[in-house]
Amino acid sequence: MPHNAPVLDMPARLRFRKRVLTAVLLGIWVCVNFVLPFFARELSFTVAGWPLHFWLSAQGSLLVFLAVVVVYAWLVNRWEAEASAAEPEPPQAP
């Protein structure tokens, strides 16, 4: 499938898989960025003058965001390659 192909040209299964993947990864991202820092306030010791929950929130959320982007790109590239390999080649005009 060419990179500039419209979304509607994608197979329905690929669109569904991308939507499910997006929902799952966004759920993980929301959990890490908003839910875990709320409960991390219970960690009461400090690291370099800052509370530990600050470091977990600030650094951990960035690492999880990068992991979400890498996983999404890797899986979607793989799925699109499989979809394009399954499509028959269009006949060449002379």
PDB file of N, CA and C in Angstrom:
ATOM      1  N   MET A   1       0.846  -1.171   0.000  1.00  0.00           N
ATOM      2  CA  MET A   1       0.000   0.000   0.000  1.00  0.00           C
ATOM      3  C   MET A   1       0.893   1.235   0.000  1.00  0.00           C
ATOM      4  N   PRO A   2       0.726   2.120  -0.953  1.00  0.00           N
ATOM      5  CA  PRO A   2       1.555   3.317  -1.006  1.00  0.00           C
ATOM      6  C   PRO A   2       1.315   4.208   0.213  1.00  0.00           C
ATOM      7  N   HIS A   3       2.325   4.985   0.565  1.00  0.00           N
ATOM      8  CA  HIS A   3       2.216   5.847   1.731  1.00  0.00           C
ATOM      9  C   HIS A   3       1.179   6.945   1.552  1.00  0.00           C
ATOM     10  N   ASN A   4       0.902   7.337   0.322  1.00  0.00           N
ATOM     11  CA  ASN A   4      -0.042   8.432   0.104  1.00  0.00           C
ATOM     12  C   ASN A   4      -1.436   7.927  -0.250  1.00  0.00           C
ATOM     13  N   ALA A   5      -1.708   6.646   0.008  1.00  0.00           N
ATOM     14  CA  ALA A   5      -3.029   6.088  -0.295  1.00  0.00           C
ATOM     15  C   ALA A   5      -4.057   6.642   0.682  1.00  0.00           C
ATOM     16  N   PRO A   6      -5.253   6.955   0.205  1.00  0.00           N
ATOM     17  CA  PRO A   6      -6.290   7.442   1.117  1.00  0.00           C
ATOM     18  C   PRO A   6      -6.689   6.370   2.127  1.00  0.00           C
ATOM     19  N   VAL A   7      -7.216   6.829   3.249  1.00  0.00           N
ATOM     20  CA  VAL A   7      -7.586   5.913   4.322  1.00  0.00           C
ATOM     21  C   VAL A   7      -8.684   4.955   3.858  1.00  0.00           C
ATOM     22  N   LEU A   8      -9.581   5.420   3.019  1.00  0.00           N
ATOM     23  CA  LEU A   8     -10.683   4.575   2.579  1.00  0.00           C
ATOM     24  C   LEU A   8     -10.219   3.433   1.680  1.00  0.00           C
ATOM     25  N   ASP A   9      -9.023   3.521   1.106  1.00  0.00           N
ATOM     26  CA  ASP A   9      -8.485   2.442   0.287  1.00  0.00           C
ATOM     27  C   ASP A   9      -7.899   1.315   1.128  1.00  0.00           C
ATOM     28  N   MET A  10      -7.742   1.552   2.434  1.00  0.00           N
ATOM     29  CA  MET A  10      -7.207   0.533   3.319  1.00  0.00           C
ATOM     30  C   MET A  10      -8.230  -0.573   3.509  1.00  0.00           C
ATOM     31  N   PRO A  11      -7.788  -1.785   3.652  1.00  0.00           N
ATOM     32  CA  PRO A  11      -8.734  -2.861   3.968  1.00  0.00           C
ATOM     33  C   PRO A  11      -9.421  -2.592   5.316  1.00  0.00           C
ATOM     34  N   ALA A  12     -10.659  -3.026   5.431  1.00  0.00           N
ATOM     35  CA  ALA A  12     -11.433  -2.781   6.656  1.00  0.00           C
ATOM     36  C   ALA A  12     -10.761  -3.410   7.873  1.00  0.00           C
ATOM     37  N   ARG A  13     -10.162  -4.578   7.686  1.00  0.00           N
ATOM     38  CA  ARG A  13      -9.501  -5.243   8.815  1.00  0.00           C
ATOM     39  C   ARG A  13      -8.324  -4.423   9.325  1.00  0.00           C
ATOM     40  N   LEU A  14      -7.570  -3.826   8.421  1.00  0.00           N
ATOM     41  CA  LEU A  14      -6.432  -3.000   8.826  1.00  0.00           C
ATOM     42  C   LEU A  14      -6.902  -1.759   9.569  1.00  0.00           C
ATOM     43  N   ARG A  15      -7.961  -1.121   9.078  1.00  0.00           N
ATOM     44  CA  ARG A  15      -8.499   0.049   9.775  1.00  0.00           C
ATOM     45  C   ARG A  15      -8.970  -0.317  11.178  1.00  0.00           C
ATOM     46  N   PHE A  16      -9.641  -1.469  11.302  1.00  0.00           N
ATOM     47  CA  PHE A  16     -10.115  -1.913  12.610  1.00  0.00           C
ATOM     48  C   PHE A  16      -8.940  -2.184  13.551  1.00  0.00           C
ATOM     49  N   ARG A  17      -7.924  -2.865  13.049  1.00  0.00           N
ATOM     50  CA  ARG A  17      -6.753  -3.164  13.878  1.00  0.00           C
ATOM     51  C   ARG A  17      -6.055  -1.885  14.340  1.00  0.00           C
ATOM     52  N   LYS A  18      -5.966  -0.899  13.448  1.00  0.00           N
ATOM     53  CA  LYS A  18      -5.328   0.364  13.827  1.00  0.00           C
ATOM     54  C   LYS A  18      -6.146   1.106  14.885  1.00  0.00           C
ATOM     55  N   ARG A  19      -7.471   1.057  14.768  1.00  0.00           N
ATOM     56  CA  ARG A  19      -8.315   1.719  15.775  1.00  0.00           C
ATOM     57  C   ARG A  19      -8.192   1.041  17.128  1.00  0.00           C
ATOM     58  N   VAL A  20      -8.186  -0.281  17.151  1.00  0.00           N
ATOM     59  CA  VAL A  20      -8.043  -1.012  18.408  1.00  0.00           C
ATOM     60  C   VAL A  20      -6.676  -0.734  19.027  1.00  0.00           C
ATOM     61  N   LEU A  21      -5.637  -0.772  18.214  1.00  0.00           N
ATOM     62  CA  LEU A  21      -4.293  -0.478  18.711  1.00  0.00           C
ATOM     63  C   LEU A  21      -4.218   0.934  19.278  1.00  0.00           C
ATOM     64  N   THR A  22      -4.799   1.897  18.569  1.00  0.00           N
ATOM     65  CA  THR A  22      -4.800   3.276  19.053  1.00  0.00           C
ATOM     66  C   THR A  22      -5.514   3.378  20.392  1.00  0.00           C
ATOM     67  N   ALA A  23      -6.667   2.726  20.522  1.00  0.00           N
ATOM     68  CA  ALA A  23      -7.420   2.782  21.776  1.00  0.00           C
ATOM     69  C   ALA A  23      -6.635   2.149  22.925  1.00  0.00           C
ATOM     70  N   VAL A  24      -6.004   1.009  22.674  1.00  0.00           N
ATOM     71  CA  VAL A  24      -5.242   0.337  23.732  1.00  0.00           C
ATOM     72  C   VAL A  24      -4.040   1.181  24.153  1.00  0.00           C
ATOM     73  N   LEU A  25      -3.306   1.700  23.175  1.00  0.00           N
ATOM     74  CA  LEU A  25      -2.115   2.495  23.512  1.00  0.00           C
ATOM     75  C   LEU A  25      -2.490   3.806  24.188  1.00  0.00           C
ATOM     76  N   LEU A  26      -3.587   4.435  23.768  1.00  0.00           N
ATOM     77  CA  LEU A  26      -4.035   5.649  24.457  1.00  0.00           C
ATOM     78  C   LEU A  26      -4.481   5.342  25.877  1.00  0.00           C
ATOM     79  N   GLY A  27      -5.099   4.198  26.080  1.00  0.00           N
ATOM     80  CA  GLY A  27      -5.483   3.796  27.430  1.00  0.00           C
ATOM     81  C   GLY A  27      -4.275   3.608  28.331  1.00  0.00           C
ATOM     82  N   ILE A  28      -3.245   2.969  27.802  1.00  0.00           N
ATOM     83  CA  ILE A  28      -2.001   2.800  28.569  1.00  0.00           C
ATOM     84  C   ILE A  28      -1.387   4.155  28.876  1.00  0.00           C
ATOM     85  N   TRP A  29      -1.351   5.034  27.884  1.00  0.00           N
ATOM     86  CA  TRP A  29      -0.752   6.352  28.076  1.00  0.00           C
ATOM     87  C   TRP A  29      -1.510   7.155  29.127  1.00  0.00           C
ATOM     88  N   VAL A  30      -2.840   7.130  29.083  1.00  0.00           N
ATOM     89  CA  VAL A  30      -3.652   7.865  30.064  1.00  0.00           C
ATOM     90  C   VAL A  30      -3.423   7.291  31.455  1.00  0.00           C
ATOM     91  N   CYS A  31      -3.365   5.988  31.561  1.00  0.00           N
ATOM     92  CA  CYS A  31      -3.135   5.359  32.866  1.00  0.00           C
ATOM     93  C   CYS A  31      -1.787   5.774  33.448  1.00  0.00           C
ATOM     94  N   VAL A  32      -0.769   5.765  32.628  1.00  0.00           N
ATOM     95  CA  VAL A  32       0.572   6.109  33.111  1.00  0.00           C
ATOM     96  C   VAL A  32       0.669   7.589  33.459  1.00  0.00           C
ATOM     97  N   ASN A  33       0.033   8.454  32.675  1.00  0.00           N
ATOM     98  CA  ASN A  33       0.186   9.889  32.892  1.00  0.00           C
ATOM     99  C   ASN A  33      -0.749  10.472  33.935  1.00  0.00           C
ATOM    100  N   PHE A  34      -1.906   9.867  34.153  1.00  0.00           N
ATOM    101  CA  PHE A  34      -2.870  10.483  35.072  1.00  0.00           C
ATOM    102  C   PHE A  34      -3.206   9.620  36.276  1.00  0.00           C
ATOM    103  N   VAL A  35      -3.245   8.320  36.120  1.00  0.00           N
ATOM    104  CA  VAL A  35      -3.639   7.458  37.234  1.00  0.00           C
ATOM    105  C   VAL A  35      -2.454   7.128  38.132  1.00  0.00           C
ATOM    106  N   LEU A  36      -1.354   6.659  37.552  1.00  0.00           N
ATOM    107  CA  LEU A  36      -0.209   6.282  38.376  1.00  0.00           C
ATOM    108  C   LEU A  36       0.374   7.435  39.190  1.00  0.00           C
ATOM    109  N   PRO A  37       0.528   8.640  38.647  1.00  0.00           N
ATOM    110  CA  PRO A  37       1.058   9.726  39.485  1.00  0.00           C
ATOM    111  C   PRO A  37       0.154  10.057  40.682  1.00  0.00           C
ATOM    112  N   PHE A  38      -1.139   9.865  40.519  1.00  0.00           N
ATOM    113  CA  PHE A  38      -2.049  10.128  41.636  1.00  0.00           C
ATOM    114  C   PHE A  38      -1.759   9.177  42.794  1.00  0.00           C
ATOM    115  N   PHE A  39      -1.542   7.911  42.501  1.00  0.00           N
ATOM    116  CA  PHE A  39      -1.261   6.939  43.543  1.00  0.00           C
ATOM    117  C   PHE A  39       0.198   6.942  43.969  1.00  0.00           C
ATOM    118  N   ALA A  40       1.068   7.533  43.176  1.00  0.00           N
ATOM    119  CA  ALA A  40       2.493   7.569  43.528  1.00  0.00           C
ATOM    120  C   ALA A  40       2.787   8.590  44.618  1.00  0.00           C
ATOM    121  N   ARG A  41       1.817   9.405  44.976  1.00  0.00           N
ATOM    122  CA  ARG A  41       2.042  10.387  46.057  1.00  0.00           C
ATOM    123  C   ARG A  41       2.348   9.701  47.381  1.00  0.00           C
ATOM    124  N   GLU A  42       2.001   8.436  47.492  1.00  0.00           N
ATOM    125  CA  GLU A  42       2.262   7.691  48.723  1.00  0.00           C
ATOM    126  C   GLU A  42       3.747   7.431  48.922  1.00  0.00           C
ATOM    127  N   LEU A  43       4.538   7.542  47.876  1.00  0.00           N
ATOM    128  CA  LEU A  43       5.987   7.368  48.000  1.00  0.00           C
ATOM    129  C   LEU A  43       6.547   8.649  48.613  1.00  0.00           C
ATOM    130  N   SER A  44       6.958   8.575  49.849  1.00  0.00           N
ATOM    131  CA  SER A  44       7.234   9.800  50.589  1.00  0.00           C
ATOM    132  C   SER A  44       8.710  10.156  50.727  1.00  0.00           C
ATOM    133  N   PHE A  45       9.608   9.471  50.080  1.00  0.00           N
ATOM    134  CA  PHE A  45      11.012   9.871  50.225  1.00  0.00           C
ATOM    135  C   PHE A  45      11.448  10.715  49.030  1.00  0.00           C
ATOM    136  N   THR A  46      12.577  11.412  49.207  1.00  0.00           N
ATOM    137  CA  THR A  46      13.035  12.369  48.193  1.00  0.00           C
ATOM    138  C   THR A  46      14.293  11.868  47.496  1.00  0.00           C
ATOM    139  N   VAL A  47      14.457  12.339  46.256  1.00  0.00           N
ATOM    140  CA  VAL A  47      15.641  12.041  45.457  1.00  0.00           C
ATOM    141  C   VAL A  47      16.149  13.376  44.940  1.00  0.00           C
ATOM    142  N   ALA A  48      17.343  13.762  45.319  1.00  0.00           N
ATOM    143  CA  ALA A  48      17.959  15.027  44.908  1.00  0.00           C
ATOM    144  C   ALA A  48      17.067  16.221  45.237  1.00  0.00           C
ATOM    145  N   GLY A  49      16.395  16.159  46.371  1.00  0.00           N
ATOM    146  CA  GLY A  49      15.570  17.282  46.811  1.00  0.00           C
ATOM    147  C   GLY A  49      14.160  17.298  46.239  1.00  0.00           C
ATOM    148  N   TRP A  50      13.831  16.368  45.394  1.00  0.00           N
ATOM    149  CA  TRP A  50      12.490  16.289  44.807  1.00  0.00           C
ATOM    150  C   TRP A  50      11.813  15.015  45.278  1.00  0.00           C
ATOM    151  N   PRO A  51      10.498  15.064  45.454  1.00  0.00           N
ATOM    152  CA  PRO A  51       9.796  13.838  45.851  1.00  0.00           C
ATOM    153  C   PRO A  51       9.898  12.773  44.757  1.00  0.00           C
ATOM    154  N   LEU A  52       9.945  11.512  45.169  1.00  0.00           N
ATOM    155  CA  LEU A  52      10.106  10.421  44.211  1.00  0.00           C
ATOM    156  C   LEU A  52       8.959  10.376  43.214  1.00  0.00           C
ATOM    157  N   HIS A  53       7.736  10.686  43.639  1.00  0.00           N
ATOM    158  CA  HIS A  53       6.621  10.628  42.699  1.00  0.00           C
ATOM    159  C   HIS A  53       6.776  11.652  41.586  1.00  0.00           C
ATOM    160  N   PHE A  54       7.464  12.758  41.839  1.00  0.00           N
ATOM    161  CA  PHE A  54       7.734  13.733  40.778  1.00  0.00           C
ATOM    162  C   PHE A  54       8.620  13.107  39.706  1.00  0.00           C
ATOM    163  N   TRP A  55       9.690  12.424  40.136  1.00  0.00           N
ATOM    164  CA  TRP A  55      10.603  11.805  39.177  1.00  0.00           C
ATOM    165  C   TRP A  55       9.915  10.688  38.393  1.00  0.00           C
ATOM    166  N   LEU A  56       9.111   9.896  39.077  1.00  0.00           N
ATOM    167  CA  LEU A  56       8.397   8.826  38.383  1.00  0.00           C
ATOM    168  C   LEU A  56       7.449   9.392  37.334  1.00  0.00           C
ATOM    169  N   SER A  57       6.771  10.474  37.683  1.00  0.00           N
ATOM    170  CA  SER A  57       5.827  11.081  36.744  1.00  0.00           C
ATOM    171  C   SER A  57       6.544  11.756  35.587  1.00  0.00           C
ATOM    172  N   ALA A  58       7.548  12.531  35.903  1.00  0.00           N
ATOM    173  CA  ALA A  58       8.225  13.322  34.869  1.00  0.00           C
ATOM    174  C   ALA A  58       9.010  12.450  33.893  1.00  0.00           C
ATOM    175  N   GLN A  59       9.787  11.523  34.399  1.00  0.00           N
ATOM    176  CA  GLN A  59      10.637  10.722  33.533  1.00  0.00           C
ATOM    177  C   GLN A  59       9.913   9.486  32.997  1.00  0.00           C
ATOM    178  N   GLY A  60       9.134   8.857  33.832  1.00  0.00           N
ATOM    179  CA  GLY A  60       8.438   7.648  33.411  1.00  0.00           C
ATOM    180  C   GLY A  60       7.412   7.907  32.333  1.00  0.00           C
ATOM    181  N   SER A  61       6.702   9.028  32.417  1.00  0.00           N
ATOM    182  CA  SER A  61       5.684   9.311  31.403  1.00  0.00           C
ATOM    183  C   SER A  61       6.319   9.570  30.042  1.00  0.00           C
ATOM    184  N   LEU A  62       7.480  10.188  30.021  1.00  0.00           N
ATOM    185  CA  LEU A  62       8.172  10.404  28.745  1.00  0.00           C
ATOM    186  C   LEU A  62       8.631   9.086  28.132  1.00  0.00           C
ATOM    187  N   LEU A  63       9.158   8.211  28.963  1.00  0.00           N
ATOM    188  CA  LEU A  63       9.616   6.913  28.454  1.00  0.00           C
ATOM    189  C   LEU A  63       8.449   6.071  27.946  1.00  0.00           C
ATOM    190  N   VAL A  64       7.341   6.113  28.645  1.00  0.00           N
ATOM    191  CA  VAL A  64       6.167   5.362  28.200  1.00  0.00           C
ATOM    192  C   VAL A  64       5.618   5.958  26.907  1.00  0.00           C
ATOM    193  N   PHE A  65       5.612   7.279  26.786  1.00  0.00           N
ATOM    194  CA  PHE A  65       5.143   7.901  25.553  1.00  0.00           C
ATOM    195  C   PHE A  65       6.011   7.479  24.369  1.00  0.00           C
ATOM    196  N   LEU A  66       7.315   7.480  24.545  1.00  0.00           N
ATOM    197  CA  LEU A  66       8.206   7.029  23.475  1.00  0.00           C
ATOM    198  C   LEU A  66       7.959   5.565  23.125  1.00  0.00           C
ATOM    199  N   ALA A  67       7.732   4.738  24.134  1.00  0.00           N
ATOM    200  CA  ALA A  67       7.446   3.322  23.881  1.00  0.00           C
ATOM    201  C   ALA A  67       6.132   3.165  23.121  1.00  0.00           C
ATOM    202  N   VAL A  68       5.125   3.968  23.446  1.00  0.00           N
ATOM    203  CA  VAL A  68       3.840   3.915  22.748  1.00  0.00           C
ATOM    204  C   VAL A  68       4.030   4.277  21.278  1.00  0.00           C
ATOM    205  N   VAL A  69       4.790   5.311  21.001  1.00  0.00           N
ATOM    206  CA  VAL A  69       5.022   5.731  19.615  1.00  0.00           C
ATOM    207  C   VAL A  69       5.782   4.658  18.840  1.00  0.00           C
ATOM    208  N   VAL A  70       6.796   4.076  19.450  1.00  0.00           N
ATOM    209  CA  VAL A  70       7.594   3.047  18.778  1.00  0.00           C
ATOM    210  C   VAL A  70       6.748   1.803  18.500  1.00  0.00           C
ATOM    211  N   VAL A  71       5.965   1.373  19.473  1.00  0.00           N
ATOM    212  CA  VAL A  71       5.116   0.189  19.285  1.00  0.00           C
ATOM    213  C   VAL A  71       4.092   0.442  18.190  1.00  0.00           C
ATOM    214  N   TYR A  72       3.459   1.613  18.189  1.00  0.00           N
ATOM    215  CA  TYR A  72       2.465   1.930  17.167  1.00  0.00           C
ATOM    216  C   TYR A  72       3.099   1.935  15.773  1.00  0.00           C
ATOM    217  N   ALA A  73       4.223   2.603  15.633  1.00  0.00           N
ATOM    218  CA  ALA A  73       4.874   2.684  14.322  1.00  0.00           C
ATOM    219  C   ALA A  73       5.318   1.308  13.845  1.00  0.00           C
ATOM    220  N   TRP A  74       5.888   0.513  14.726  1.00  0.00           N
ATOM    221  CA  TRP A  74       6.376  -0.806  14.339  1.00  0.00           C
ATOM    222  C   TRP A  74       5.223  -1.709  13.901  1.00  0.00           C
ATOM    223  N   LEU A  75       4.149  -1.756  14.703  1.00  0.00           N
ATOM    224  CA  LEU A  75       3.030  -2.623  14.363  1.00  0.00           C
ATOM    225  C   LEU A  75       2.303  -2.179  13.101  1.00  0.00           C
ATOM    226  N   VAL A  76       2.051  -0.880  12.957  1.00  0.00           N
ATOM    227  CA  VAL A  76       1.327  -0.403  11.784  1.00  0.00           C
ATOM    228  C   VAL A  76       2.159  -0.603  10.521  1.00  0.00           C
ATOM    229  N   ASN A  77       3.447  -0.366  10.571  1.00  0.00           N
ATOM    230  CA  ASN A  77       4.298  -0.636   9.405  1.00  0.00           C
ATOM    231  C   ASN A  77       4.253  -2.106   9.026  1.00  0.00           C
ATOM    232  N   ARG A  78       4.300  -2.963  10.006  1.00  0.00           N
ATOM    233  CA  ARG A  78       4.250  -4.402   9.754  1.00  0.00           C
ATOM    234  C   ARG A  78       2.903  -4.806   9.152  1.00  0.00           C
ATOM    235  N   TRP A  79       1.810  -4.290   9.716  1.00  0.00           N
ATOM    236  CA  TRP A  79       0.476  -4.627   9.204  1.00  0.00           C
ATOM    237  C   TRP A  79       0.271  -4.093   7.794  1.00  0.00           C
ATOM    238  N   GLU A  80       0.755  -2.878   7.526  1.00  0.00           N
ATOM    239  CA  GLU A  80       0.602  -2.319   6.183  1.00  0.00           C
ATOM    240  C   GLU A  80       1.443  -3.084   5.165  1.00  0.00           C
ATOM    241  N   ALA A  81       2.611  -3.554   5.570  1.00  0.00           N
ATOM    242  CA  ALA A  81       3.428  -4.363   4.662  1.00  0.00           C
ATOM    243  C   ALA A  81       2.733  -5.681   4.350  1.00  0.00           C
ATOM    244  N   GLU A  82       2.118  -6.294   5.364  1.00  0.00           N
ATOM    245  CA  GLU A  82       1.372  -7.529   5.129  1.00  0.00           C
ATOM    246  C   GLU A  82       0.181  -7.283   4.208  1.00  0.00           C
ATOM    247  N   ALA A  83      -0.512  -6.161   4.406  1.00  0.00           N
ATOM    248  CA  ALA A  83      -1.685  -5.853   3.577  1.00  0.00           C
ATOM    249  C   ALA A  83      -1.276  -5.578   2.132  1.00  0.00           C
ATOM    250  N   SER A  84      -0.156  -4.893   1.943  1.00  0.00           N
ATOM    251  CA  SER A  84       0.273  -4.597   0.573  1.00  0.00           C
ATOM    252  C   SER A  84       0.808  -5.848  -0.116  1.00  0.00           C
ATOM    253  N   ALA A  85       1.378  -6.770   0.642  1.00  0.00           N
ATOM    254  CA  ALA A  85       1.854  -8.015   0.051  1.00  0.00           C
ATOM    255  C   ALA A  85       0.684  -8.906  -0.357  1.00  0.00           C
ATOM    256  N   ALA A  86      -0.424  -8.786   0.354  1.00  0.00           N
ATOM    257  CA  ALA A  86      -1.593  -9.608   0.046  1.00  0.00           C
ATOM    258  C   ALA A  86      -2.372  -9.074  -1.148  1.00  0.00           C
ATOM    259  N   GLU A  87      -2.217  -7.792  -1.478  1.00  0.00           N
ATOM    260  CA  GLU A  87      -2.930  -7.197  -2.610  1.00  0.00           C
ATOM    261  C   GLU A  87      -2.260  -7.596  -3.918  1.00  0.00           C
ATOM    262  N   PRO A  88      -3.053  -7.919  -4.933  1.00  0.00           N
ATOM    263  CA  PRO A  88      -2.448  -8.219  -6.240  1.00  0.00           C
ATOM    264  C   PRO A  88      -1.927  -6.941  -6.881  1.00  0.00           C
ATOM    265  N   GLU A  89      -0.875  -7.085  -7.627  1.00  0.00           N
ATOM    266  CA  GLU A  89      -0.300  -5.937  -8.330  1.00  0.00           C
ATOM    267  C   GLU A  89      -1.230  -5.492  -9.459  1.00  0.00           C
ATOM    268  N   PRO A  90      -1.451  -4.184  -9.610  1.00  0.00           N
ATOM    269  CA  PRO A  90      -2.279  -3.720 -10.719  1.00  0.00           C
ATOM    270  C   PRO A  90      -1.543  -3.920 -12.032  1.00  0.00           C
ATOM    271  N   PRO A  91      -2.279  -4.197 -13.108  1.00  0.00           N
ATOM    272  CA  PRO A  91      -1.607  -4.403 -14.400  1.00  0.00           C
ATOM    273  C   PRO A  91      -0.933  -3.116 -14.883  1.00  0.00           C
ATOM    274  N   GLN A  92       0.228  -3.275 -15.487  1.00  0.00           N
ATOM    275  CA  GLN A  92       0.990  -2.138 -16.003  1.00  0.00           C
ATOM    276  C   GLN A  92       0.446  -1.720 -17.361  1.00  0.00           C
ATOM    277  N   ALA A  93       0.217  -0.433 -17.534  1.00  0.00           N
ATOM    278  CA  ALA A  93      -0.225   0.090 -18.831  1.00  0.00           C
ATOM    279  C   ALA A  93       0.975   0.197 -19.757  1.00  0.00           C
ATOM    280  N   PRO A  94       0.812  -0.223 -21.016  1.00  0.00           N
ATOM    281  CA  PRO A  94       1.965  -0.161 -21.944  1.00  0.00           C
ATOM    282  C   PRO A  94       2.276   1.245 -22.377  1.00  0.00           C
TER     283      PRO A  94
END
